[in-house]
Amino acid sequence: MNFSNILNAIAQSDPEVFDRTSSRRPVIRNWMKGAALAALPVALGGLFTKAYGKRTDAISDVLNFALGLEYLEANFYTNAVMASIGSPAANNPLVPPGLEQQAIVEIRGHEMKHVSFLKQTLIAMGVAPAPEPTFDFTANNMFPNVFSDYSVFLAIAQLIEDTGLRAYKGALPSLMGNDIITSVLQIHSVEARHSAHIRTMRRDSPSAMNSGDIKPWIVGADSNVSGGVGAGTYTGEDNTQQNGIQISDINGLQINVDAATSAFDEPMEATAVAAVLSPFIVI
């Protein structure tokens, strides 16, 4: 996940190729020019306890917040890859061989690149990267088979990815007017593709964990996970108004509530992000 501010200097490059950037010096110079910028304080375990901050003179909190979420996502998918192709897991893989495994390996690669990029950026700024928390993706044994049951793994992956998308939206208003928002949106687009692909994998893999008609996007406030698991991730996603305008049946058109809610991802405040993801953090 994350999450929030990945900086201005990749204007023409995709976040997926950060590690292939030939020189980061011009990038750092551009970032330093934007030092007075709205930021999200560090959260996630120790990183996930504060609310979104007001304007600050530094970007280090922003980057460490993003780093915390990328730690979580990279760790989650690394566990999944090891449970799929690591020895002896390859004989009884979590993720089926073929396109499914390839997708999870690729997503893991993206998250690891994000972690590496953020850490290198913070170090170049003279700021110590936040240490990686200890994670428990069983959520204190709530999901004991998260890395042995494919359907449980996909359900938790969806909750993590969708939370990340909403956290990005919660961060964007603090970045308005600063060029950094371009890079944040680039990262957001990568995470959006992750979310859509995980949802498609769930749709194509019938399971008792699946609930309702799973789309590649969020519809209403439905988690599409049986038993209401992860409902907090989707609180407020049933909003049908944008900028004070009612989207459903707008201008007399036949746009139902599901379509109206599907059209936009809703922002999530840091306290809500903490409520959803803190069970995976060992304090």
Protein backbone atom coordinates (compact mmCIF):
# COMPACT_ATOMS: atom_id res chain seq x y z
CA MET A 1 0.00 0.00 0.00
CA ASN A 2 0.38 3.86 -0.03
CA PHE A 3 0.75 5.42 -0.02
CA SER A 4 0.86 9.06 -0.04
CA ASN A 5 3.63 11.04 -1.55
CA ILE A 6 6.03 9.71 -4.06
CA LEU A 7 7.72 12.64 -5.44
CA ASN A 8 7.95 14.91 -8.39
CA ALA A 9 10.78 13.83 -10.59
CA ILE A 10 9.40 10.91 -12.38
CA ALA A 11 7.15 13.12 -14.44
CA GLN A 12 7.55 11.04 -17.54
CA SER A 13 8.35 7.69 -15.98
CA ASP A 14 6.16 4.99 -14.58
CA PRO A 15 6.63 4.16 -10.88
CA GLU A 16 7.16 0.57 -11.91
CA VAL A 17 10.57 1.45 -13.33
CA PHE A 18 11.97 3.53 -10.48
CA ASP A 19 14.95 1.26 -10.09
CA ARG A 20 15.94 1.79 -13.71
CA THR A 21 16.23 5.57 -13.38
CA SER A 22 19.70 6.48 -14.59
CA SER A 23 20.25 9.48 -12.34
CA ARG A 24 18.37 10.71 -9.33
CA ARG A 25 20.25 13.96 -8.78
CA PRO A 26 17.90 16.14 -10.86
CA VAL A 27 15.03 14.40 -9.11
CA ILE A 28 16.31 15.30 -5.66
CA ARG A 29 16.87 18.91 -6.70
CA ASN A 30 13.27 19.17 -7.89
CA TRP A 31 11.99 17.64 -4.67
CA MET A 32 13.95 20.06 -2.53
CA LYS A 33 12.43 22.99 -4.39
CA GLY A 34 9.06 21.80 -3.17
CA ALA A 35 10.05 21.49 0.46
CA ALA A 36 7.16 23.56 1.80
CA LEU A 37 4.40 21.07 1.20
CA ALA A 38 1.41 19.55 2.88
CA ALA A 39 2.22 16.19 4.37
CA LEU A 40 0.79 13.13 5.98
CA PRO A 41 2.47 12.30 9.26
CA VAL A 42 3.97 8.90 9.80
CA ALA A 43 1.53 6.12 10.53
CA LEU A 44 1.29 2.32 10.55
CA GLY A 45 1.83 0.63 13.85
CA GLY A 46 4.03 3.33 15.19
CA LEU A 47 3.50 4.75 11.75
CA PHE A 48 -0.27 4.32 11.75
CA THR A 49 -1.42 6.20 14.82
CA LYS A 50 -1.59 9.86 13.79
CA ALA A 51 -4.17 11.74 11.76
CA TYR A 52 -3.32 13.50 8.54
CA GLY A 53 -1.25 16.54 9.36
CA LYS A 54 -1.45 20.15 8.36
CA ARG A 55 1.16 21.96 6.33
CA THR A 56 4.76 21.29 7.24
CA ASP A 57 8.12 22.50 6.05
CA ALA A 58 9.41 18.99 5.41
CA ILE A 59 8.43 16.10 3.18
CA SER A 60 10.05 13.43 5.33
CA ASP A 61 6.86 12.59 7.20
CA VAL A 62 5.07 12.23 3.88
CA LEU A 63 7.67 9.86 2.51
CA ASN A 64 7.85 7.82 5.69
CA PHE A 65 4.08 7.46 5.70
CA ALA A 66 4.24 6.14 2.15
CA LEU A 67 7.16 3.92 3.12
CA GLY A 68 5.17 2.39 5.97
CA LEU A 69 2.40 1.36 3.65
CA GLU A 70 4.81 0.05 1.05
CA TYR A 71 6.51 -2.02 3.76
CA LEU A 72 3.14 -3.61 4.53
CA GLU A 73 2.30 -4.38 0.93
CA ALA A 74 5.76 -5.64 0.02
CA ASN A 75 5.84 -7.88 3.11
CA PHE A 76 2.36 -9.23 2.40
CA TYR A 77 3.14 -10.20 -1.20
CA THR A 78 6.58 -11.54 -0.30
CA ASN A 79 4.89 -13.95 2.11
CA ALA A 80 2.50 -14.96 -0.66
CA VAL A 81 5.30 -15.56 -3.15
CA MET A 82 7.23 -17.67 -0.63
CA ALA A 83 4.07 -19.68 0.04
CA SER A 84 3.70 -20.25 -3.69
CA ILE A 85 7.10 -20.90 -5.18
CA GLY A 86 9.43 -21.24 -2.20
CA SER A 87 10.57 -24.66 -1.06
CA PRO A 88 8.67 -26.74 -0.03
CA ALA A 89 5.62 -24.57 -0.83
CA ALA A 90 6.04 -25.16 -4.57
CA ASN A 91 4.61 -28.64 -4.10
CA ASN A 92 1.43 -27.18 -2.64
CA PRO A 93 1.42 -23.55 -3.75
CA LEU A 94 -0.80 -20.87 -2.26
CA VAL A 95 -1.26 -19.16 -5.63
CA PRO A 96 -1.91 -21.47 -8.61
CA PRO A 97 0.92 -21.72 -11.15
CA GLY A 98 0.56 -19.78 -14.36
CA LEU A 99 -0.85 -16.31 -14.84
CA GLU A 100 -2.02 -16.10 -11.22
CA GLN A 101 1.47 -16.65 -9.83
CA GLN A 102 2.98 -14.32 -12.41
CA ALA A 103 0.60 -11.55 -11.34
CA ILE A 104 1.43 -11.86 -7.64
CA VAL A 105 5.17 -12.00 -8.33
CA GLU A 106 4.88 -8.86 -10.47
CA ILE A 107 2.82 -6.99 -7.88
CA ARG A 108 5.36 -7.96 -5.22
CA GLY A 109 8.08 -6.56 -7.48
CA HIS A 110 6.28 -3.23 -7.81
CA GLU A 111 5.93 -2.88 -4.04
CA MET A 112 9.57 -3.76 -3.43
CA LYS A 113 10.64 -1.12 -5.96
CA HIS A 114 8.50 1.44 -4.17
CA VAL A 115 10.15 0.57 -0.85
CA SER A 116 13.62 0.83 -2.36
CA PHE A 117 12.84 4.11 -4.07
CA LEU A 118 11.41 5.74 -0.95
CA LYS A 119 14.27 4.61 1.27
CA GLN A 120 16.89 5.86 -1.18
CA THR A 121 15.04 9.17 -1.48
CA LEU A 122 14.87 9.70 2.27
CA ILE A 123 18.55 8.85 2.68
CA ALA A 124 19.46 11.28 -0.12
CA MET A 125 17.55 13.96 1.81
CA GLY A 126 19.49 13.20 4.97
CA VAL A 127 16.45 11.66 6.66
CA ALA A 128 16.46 8.23 8.29
CA PRO A 129 13.84 5.95 6.72
CA ALA A 130 11.29 4.69 9.22
CA PRO A 131 12.09 1.17 10.39
CA GLU A 132 9.95 -1.64 9.06
CA PRO A 133 7.29 -2.73 11.56
CA THR A 134 6.64 -6.36 12.42
CA PHE A 135 3.56 -7.64 10.60
CA ASP A 136 1.01 -10.28 11.49
CA PHE A 137 -1.24 -10.89 8.51
CA THR A 138 -3.24 -13.43 10.47
CA ALA A 139 -4.49 -10.38 12.44
CA ASN A 140 -3.88 -12.15 15.76
CA ASN A 141 -5.18 -15.42 14.34
CA MET A 142 -8.32 -13.92 12.83
CA PHE A 143 -7.10 -15.21 9.44
CA PRO A 144 -4.84 -18.12 10.39
CA ASN A 145 -4.84 -19.51 6.84
CA VAL A 146 -4.11 -16.28 4.97
CA PHE A 147 -1.03 -17.85 3.38
CA SER A 148 -2.41 -21.34 2.96
CA ASP A 149 -5.92 -20.67 1.61
CA TYR A 150 -5.93 -18.92 -1.78
CA SER A 151 -9.40 -17.41 -1.34
CA VAL A 152 -8.52 -15.92 2.06
CA PHE A 153 -5.30 -14.52 0.67
CA LEU A 154 -7.12 -12.83 -2.23
CA ALA A 155 -9.76 -11.38 0.10
CA ILE A 156 -7.13 -9.82 2.37
CA ALA A 157 -5.17 -8.61 -0.67
CA GLN A 158 -8.29 -6.84 -1.93
CA LEU A 159 -8.88 -5.15 1.42
CA ILE A 160 -5.29 -3.95 1.57
CA GLU A 161 -5.28 -2.64 -2.00
CA ASP A 162 -8.66 -0.92 -1.71
CA THR A 163 -7.61 0.72 1.56
CA GLY A 164 -4.53 2.00 -0.20
CA LEU A 165 -6.54 3.59 -2.98
CA ARG A 166 -8.76 5.41 -0.52
CA ALA A 167 -5.79 6.58 1.55
CA TYR A 168 -4.28 8.12 -1.57
CA LYS A 169 -7.52 10.01 -2.16
CA GLY A 170 -7.42 11.23 1.44
CA ALA A 171 -3.93 12.62 0.86
CA LEU A 172 -4.51 14.40 -2.43
CA PRO A 173 -6.22 17.58 -1.13
CA SER A 174 -3.12 18.41 0.90
CA LEU A 175 -1.05 18.30 -2.29
CA MET A 176 -3.19 20.52 -4.48
CA GLY A 177 -1.15 23.26 -6.12
CA ASN A 178 2.14 21.41 -5.80
CA ASP A 179 3.75 19.60 -8.73
CA ILE A 180 4.28 16.58 -6.51
CA ILE A 181 0.65 15.63 -7.05
CA THR A 182 1.61 14.35 -10.52
CA SER A 183 3.88 11.70 -9.06
CA VAL A 184 1.36 10.77 -6.39
CA LEU A 185 -1.24 10.17 -9.06
CA GLN A 186 1.24 8.03 -11.02
CA ILE A 187 1.77 5.82 -7.99
CA HIS A 188 -1.96 5.78 -7.36
CA SER A 189 -2.54 4.49 -10.89
CA VAL A 190 -0.20 1.54 -10.26
CA GLU A 191 -2.02 0.65 -7.05
CA ALA A 192 -5.35 1.01 -8.84
CA ARG A 193 -4.24 -1.57 -11.38
CA HIS A 194 -3.23 -3.87 -8.53
CA SER A 195 -6.67 -3.49 -6.96
CA ALA A 196 -8.50 -4.14 -10.22
CA HIS A 197 -6.40 -7.22 -10.96
CA ILE A 198 -6.82 -8.72 -7.48
CA ARG A 199 -10.57 -8.17 -7.75
CA THR A 200 -10.61 -9.86 -11.15
CA MET A 201 -8.67 -12.80 -9.73
CA ARG A 202 -11.29 -13.10 -6.96
CA ARG A 203 -14.12 -12.95 -9.49
CA ASP A 204 -12.50 -15.70 -11.56
CA SER A 205 -11.89 -17.93 -8.53
CA PRO A 206 -15.28 -18.88 -7.00
CA SER A 207 -15.07 -19.29 -3.24
CA ALA A 208 -17.15 -19.21 -0.09
CA MET A 209 -15.16 -16.06 0.75
CA ASN A 210 -16.70 -14.29 -2.23
CA SER A 211 -19.89 -12.32 -1.74
CA GLY A 212 -22.01 -10.65 -4.37
CA ASP A 213 -21.01 -9.67 -7.88
CA ILE A 214 -17.29 -8.83 -7.66
CA LYS A 215 -16.29 -6.09 -10.08
CA PRO A 216 -12.81 -4.76 -10.85
CA TRP A 217 -13.93 -1.61 -9.01
CA ILE A 218 -15.71 -0.84 -5.74
CA VAL A 219 -19.51 -0.78 -5.89
CA GLY A 220 -21.31 0.93 -3.03
CA ALA A 221 -20.08 0.00 0.43
CA ASP A 222 -19.99 -3.74 -0.31
CA SER A 223 -16.73 -5.46 0.61
CA ASN A 224 -17.63 -8.50 -1.52
CA VAL A 225 -16.16 -10.58 1.31
CA SER A 226 -18.49 -13.01 3.08
CA GLY A 227 -19.44 -12.31 6.67
CA GLY A 228 -18.86 -8.58 6.29
CA VAL A 229 -15.10 -8.97 6.76
CA GLY A 230 -13.32 -5.71 6.07
CA ALA A 231 -16.48 -3.65 6.02
CA GLY A 232 -14.59 -0.70 7.51
CA THR A 233 -12.58 -0.40 4.32
CA TYR A 234 -15.74 0.56 2.44
CA THR A 235 -17.49 2.87 4.89
CA GLY A 236 -18.57 5.94 2.92
CA GLU A 237 -18.07 4.32 -0.49
CA ASP A 238 -21.84 4.43 -1.00
CA ASN A 239 -21.68 8.20 -1.46
CA THR A 240 -23.61 9.31 -4.56
CA GLN A 241 -22.69 13.01 -4.45
CA GLN A 242 -19.55 14.62 -5.84
CA ASN A 243 -18.77 18.28 -5.24
CA GLY A 244 -22.31 18.70 -3.96
CA ILE A 245 -23.83 17.30 -7.15
CA GLN A 246 -26.08 14.25 -7.07
CA ILE A 247 -24.67 11.75 -9.56
CA SER A 248 -27.49 9.22 -9.56
CA ASP A 249 -30.04 10.14 -12.22
CA ILE A 250 -28.06 13.30 -12.99
CA ASN A 251 -29.70 15.53 -15.61
CA GLY A 252 -32.57 13.06 -15.88
CA LEU A 253 -30.34 10.24 -17.07
CA GLN A 254 -30.98 6.72 -15.82
CA ILE A 255 -27.90 6.35 -13.62
CA ASN A 256 -28.64 4.04 -10.72
CA VAL A 257 -27.03 4.19 -7.29
CA ASP A 258 -24.56 1.38 -8.03
CA ALA A 259 -23.32 3.15 -11.14
CA ALA A 260 -23.06 6.45 -9.26
CA THR A 261 -21.01 4.94 -6.44
CA SER A 262 -18.82 3.00 -8.86
CA ALA A 263 -17.75 6.14 -10.67
CA PHE A 264 -15.59 7.51 -7.85
CA ASP A 265 -13.30 6.18 -5.12
CA GLU A 266 -13.94 7.98 -1.84
CA PRO A 267 -11.11 9.39 0.30
CA MET A 268 -10.25 7.75 3.61
CA GLU A 269 -8.94 9.60 6.64
CA ALA A 270 -5.84 8.35 8.42
CA THR A 271 -7.78 7.28 11.51
CA ALA A 272 -9.92 5.03 9.33
CA VAL A 273 -6.83 3.68 7.57
CA ALA A 274 -5.41 2.85 11.00
CA ALA A 275 -8.59 1.07 12.04
CA VAL A 276 -8.50 -1.15 8.96
CA LEU A 277 -4.79 -1.97 8.81
CA SER A 278 -3.58 -1.79 12.41
CA PRO A 279 -4.68 -5.40 13.15
CA PHE A 280 -1.88 -6.46 10.81
CA ILE A 281 0.75 -4.55 12.81
CA VAL A 282 2.48 -6.03 15.85
CA ILE A 283 2.74 -3.14 18.31
